[in-house]
Amino acid sequence: MALQPLSQIAINCILAKRSEGLEGDGCAYDLSAPHRNISPQEKLRAGDYVKLRLWFPDEDSHVSIDLAEVEWIESHWLKVDLLSVPPDIQARLRQFKASQDSTAHSHQSTEQILIRF
């Protein structure tokens, strides 16, 4: 018996340099549908689990996060909590956040990403 993946929704996100926190612009995809591109408001709800593929600005490669949870969705924004992040990816996210954070006091941690659709 084959195991079902935890999430059939994936979000591709390009991280952006912002004044605080981790933010990005993204697209959501239904991995089980023939036409994969979806609107987050169509299929996602708070508490849903998703996969993330994150690109850093000016880089060709991406990092994958297999487990994130949708905290909330509002207008064209959603916030995800990163639940399972390998240490090397945590370090890259912290480094990116530190390089773009002009103040040392950010309200958002590296365990959350605010994504605009």
C-alpha atoms as a PDB file:
ATOM      1  CA  MET A   1       0.000   0.000   0.000  1.00  0.00           C
ATOM      2  CA  ALA A   2       1.456   3.341  -1.084  1.00  0.00           C
ATOM      3  CA  LEU A   3       1.560   6.156   1.422  1.00  0.00           C
ATOM      4  CA  GLN A   4      -0.265   9.345   0.503  1.00  0.00           C
ATOM      5  CA  PRO A   5       1.871  12.492   0.635  1.00  0.00           C
ATOM      6  CA  LEU A   6       1.049  14.754   3.556  1.00  0.00           C
ATOM      7  CA  SER A   7       0.233  17.652   1.258  1.00  0.00           C
ATOM      8  CA  GLN A   8      -0.896  17.874  -2.334  1.00  0.00           C
ATOM      9  CA  ILE A   9      -0.278  21.645  -2.381  1.00  0.00           C
ATOM     10  CA  ALA A  10       3.123  23.151  -3.131  1.00  0.00           C
ATOM     11  CA  ILE A  11       4.069  26.817  -2.999  1.00  0.00           C
ATOM     12  CA  ASN A  12       6.902  28.241  -5.060  1.00  0.00           C
ATOM     13  CA  CYS A  13       8.166  31.476  -3.556  1.00  0.00           C
ATOM     14  CA  ILE A  14      10.831  34.002  -4.474  1.00  0.00           C
ATOM     15  CA  LEU A  15      12.090  35.587  -1.274  1.00  0.00           C
ATOM     16  CA  ALA A  16      12.243  39.361  -1.379  1.00  0.00           C
ATOM     17  CA  LYS A  17      14.388  41.863   0.426  1.00  0.00           C
ATOM     18  CA  ARG A  18      12.052  43.606   2.859  1.00  0.00           C
ATOM     19  CA  SER A  19      12.524  45.711   5.955  1.00  0.00           C
ATOM     20  CA  GLU A  20      11.644  42.925   8.374  1.00  0.00           C
ATOM     21  CA  GLY A  21      10.859  39.235   8.474  1.00  0.00           C
ATOM     22  CA  LEU A  22      10.867  36.721   5.668  1.00  0.00           C
ATOM     23  CA  GLU A  23       8.563  37.732   2.829  1.00  0.00           C
ATOM     24  CA  GLY A  24       8.165  36.649  -0.735  1.00  0.00           C
ATOM     25  CA  ASP A  25       6.062  36.466  -3.850  1.00  0.00           C
ATOM     26  CA  GLY A  26       4.611  33.082  -4.652  1.00  0.00           C
ATOM     27  CA  CYS A  27       2.364  30.768  -6.599  1.00  0.00           C
ATOM     28  CA  ALA A  28       0.436  27.770  -5.281  1.00  0.00           C
ATOM     29  CA  TYR A  29       0.145  24.470  -7.132  1.00  0.00           C
ATOM     30  CA  ASP A  30      -2.160  21.488  -6.680  1.00  0.00           C
ATOM     31  CA  LEU A  31       0.144  18.535  -7.282  1.00  0.00           C
ATOM     32  CA  SER A  32      -2.779  16.166  -7.844  1.00  0.00           C
ATOM     33  CA  ALA A  33      -4.528  18.202 -10.563  1.00  0.00           C
ATOM     34  CA  PRO A  34      -3.802  18.301 -14.303  1.00  0.00           C
ATOM     35  CA  HIS A  35      -3.833  22.113 -14.274  1.00  0.00           C
ATOM     36  CA  ARG A  36      -1.656  22.651 -11.245  1.00  0.00           C
ATOM     37  CA  ASN A  37      -1.722  26.443 -10.800  1.00  0.00           C
ATOM     38  CA  ILE A  38      -4.345  27.450  -8.204  1.00  0.00           C
ATOM     39  CA  SER A  39      -5.427  30.453  -6.217  1.00  0.00           C
ATOM     40  CA  PRO A  40      -4.673  30.023  -2.497  1.00  0.00           C
ATOM     41  CA  GLN A  41      -8.214  31.127  -1.679  1.00  0.00           C
ATOM     42  CA  GLU A  42      -9.587  28.228  -3.779  1.00  0.00           C
ATOM     43  CA  LYS A  43      -8.014  25.339  -1.925  1.00  0.00           C
ATOM     44  CA  LEU A  44      -6.056  26.483   1.117  1.00  0.00           C
ATOM     45  CA  ARG A  45      -7.355  27.016   4.622  1.00  0.00           C
ATOM     46  CA  ALA A  46      -5.642  27.855   7.900  1.00  0.00           C
ATOM     47  CA  GLY A  47      -4.186  24.653   9.302  1.00  0.00           C
ATOM     48  CA  ASP A  48      -3.465  23.066   5.899  1.00  0.00           C
ATOM     49  CA  TYR A  49      -0.039  21.570   5.314  1.00  0.00           C
ATOM     50  CA  VAL A  50       1.974  22.599   2.253  1.00  0.00           C
ATOM     51  CA  LYS A  51       5.367  22.041   0.688  1.00  0.00           C
ATOM     52  CA  LEU A  52       7.569  25.030  -0.138  1.00  0.00           C
ATOM     53  CA  ARG A  53      10.192  25.672  -2.747  1.00  0.00           C
ATOM     54  CA  LEU A  54      12.065  28.889  -1.936  1.00  0.00           C
ATOM     55  CA  TRP A  55      14.334  30.895  -4.224  1.00  0.00           C
ATOM     56  CA  PHE A  56      16.723  33.519  -2.894  1.00  0.00           C
ATOM     57  CA  PRO A  57      17.125  36.730  -4.950  1.00  0.00           C
ATOM     58  CA  ASP A  58      19.872  36.596  -7.568  1.00  0.00           C
ATOM     59  CA  GLU A  59      20.344  32.820  -7.186  1.00  0.00           C
ATOM     60  CA  ASP A  60      19.424  30.051  -9.615  1.00  0.00           C
ATOM     61  CA  SER A  61      19.029  27.287  -7.056  1.00  0.00           C
ATOM     62  CA  HIS A  62      16.226  26.766  -4.568  1.00  0.00           C
ATOM     63  CA  VAL A  63      15.697  25.104  -1.200  1.00  0.00           C
ATOM     64  CA  SER A  64      12.817  22.769  -0.423  1.00  0.00           C
ATOM     65  CA  ILE A  65      10.830  22.577   2.764  1.00  0.00           C
ATOM     66  CA  ASP A  66       8.662  19.476   2.941  1.00  0.00           C
ATOM     67  CA  LEU A  67       6.370  20.568   5.737  1.00  0.00           C
ATOM     68  CA  ALA A  68       4.852  23.975   6.442  1.00  0.00           C
ATOM     69  CA  GLU A  69       1.473  24.904   7.883  1.00  0.00           C
ATOM     70  CA  VAL A  70      -0.768  27.710   6.670  1.00  0.00           C
ATOM     71  CA  GLU A  71      -1.332  30.043   9.629  1.00  0.00           C
ATOM     72  CA  TRP A  72      -3.727  32.450   7.892  1.00  0.00           C
ATOM     73  CA  ILE A  73      -4.867  33.726   4.498  1.00  0.00           C
ATOM     74  CA  GLU A  74      -6.006  37.321   3.940  1.00  0.00           C
ATOM     75  CA  SER A  75      -6.593  39.120   0.640  1.00  0.00           C
ATOM     76  CA  HIS A  76      -3.507  38.353  -1.433  1.00  0.00           C
ATOM     77  CA  TRP A  77      -1.338  37.274   1.509  1.00  0.00           C
ATOM     78  CA  LEU A  78      -0.778  34.121   3.493  1.00  0.00           C
ATOM     79  CA  LYS A  79       1.529  33.276   6.356  1.00  0.00           C
ATOM     80  CA  VAL A  80       3.125  29.859   6.703  1.00  0.00           C
ATOM     81  CA  ASP A  81       4.874  28.308   9.679  1.00  0.00           C
ATOM     82  CA  LEU A  82       7.906  26.235   8.739  1.00  0.00           C
ATOM     83  CA  LEU A  83       7.533  22.967  10.652  1.00  0.00           C
ATOM     84  CA  SER A  84      10.339  20.804   9.323  1.00  0.00           C
ATOM     85  CA  VAL A  85      13.468  22.681   8.259  1.00  0.00           C
ATOM     86  CA  PRO A  86      16.881  21.016   8.025  1.00  0.00           C
ATOM     87  CA  PRO A  87      19.677  22.870   9.879  1.00  0.00           C
ATOM     88  CA  ASP A  88      21.479  23.926   6.686  1.00  0.00           C
ATOM     89  CA  ILE A  89      18.307  25.542   5.318  1.00  0.00           C
ATOM     90  CA  GLN A  90      17.640  27.215   8.694  1.00  0.00           C
ATOM     91  CA  ALA A  91      21.121  28.715   8.504  1.00  0.00           C
ATOM     92  CA  ARG A  92      20.537  30.019   4.944  1.00  0.00           C
ATOM     93  CA  LEU A  93      17.213  31.573   5.961  1.00  0.00           C
ATOM     94  CA  ARG A  94      18.794  33.244   9.019  1.00  0.00           C
ATOM     95  CA  GLN A  95      21.670  34.542   6.893  1.00  0.00           C
ATOM     96  CA  PHE A  96      19.286  35.917   4.263  1.00  0.00           C
ATOM     97  CA  LYS A  97      17.097  37.566   6.902  1.00  0.00           C
ATOM     98  CA  ALA A  98      20.123  39.108   8.632  1.00  0.00           C
ATOM     99  CA  SER A  99      21.484  40.449   5.352  1.00  0.00           C
ATOM    100  CA  GLN A 100      18.259  42.250   4.505  1.00  0.00           C
ATOM    101  CA  ASP A 101      17.131  43.294   8.001  1.00  0.00           C
ATOM    102  CA  SER A 102      18.126  46.914   8.634  1.00  0.00           C
ATOM    103  CA  THR A 103      17.143  46.669  12.303  1.00  0.00           C
ATOM    104  CA  ALA A 104      18.026  43.930  14.720  1.00  0.00           C
ATOM    105  CA  HIS A 105      14.451  43.855  16.080  1.00  0.00           C
ATOM    106  CA  SER A 106      12.267  41.935  13.657  1.00  0.00           C
ATOM    107  CA  HIS A 107       8.786  40.813  14.676  1.00  0.00           C
ATOM    108  CA  GLN A 108       8.848  37.774  12.422  1.00  0.00           C
ATOM    109  CA  SER A 109      11.054  34.762  12.988  1.00  0.00           C
ATOM    110  CA  THR A 110      12.821  32.591  10.431  1.00  0.00           C
ATOM    111  CA  GLU A 111      10.185  29.939  11.164  1.00  0.00           C
ATOM    112  CA  GLN A 112       7.491  31.953   9.358  1.00  0.00           C
ATOM    113  CA  ILE A 113       7.181  33.398   5.875  1.00  0.00           C
ATOM    114  CA  LEU A 114       4.670  35.970   4.679  1.00  0.00           C
ATOM    115  CA  ILE A 115       3.822  35.249   1.025  1.00  0.00           C
ATOM    116  CA  ARG A 116       2.039  37.544  -1.435  1.00  0.00           C
ATOM    117  CA  PHE A 117       0.060  35.991  -4.310  1.00  0.00           C
END
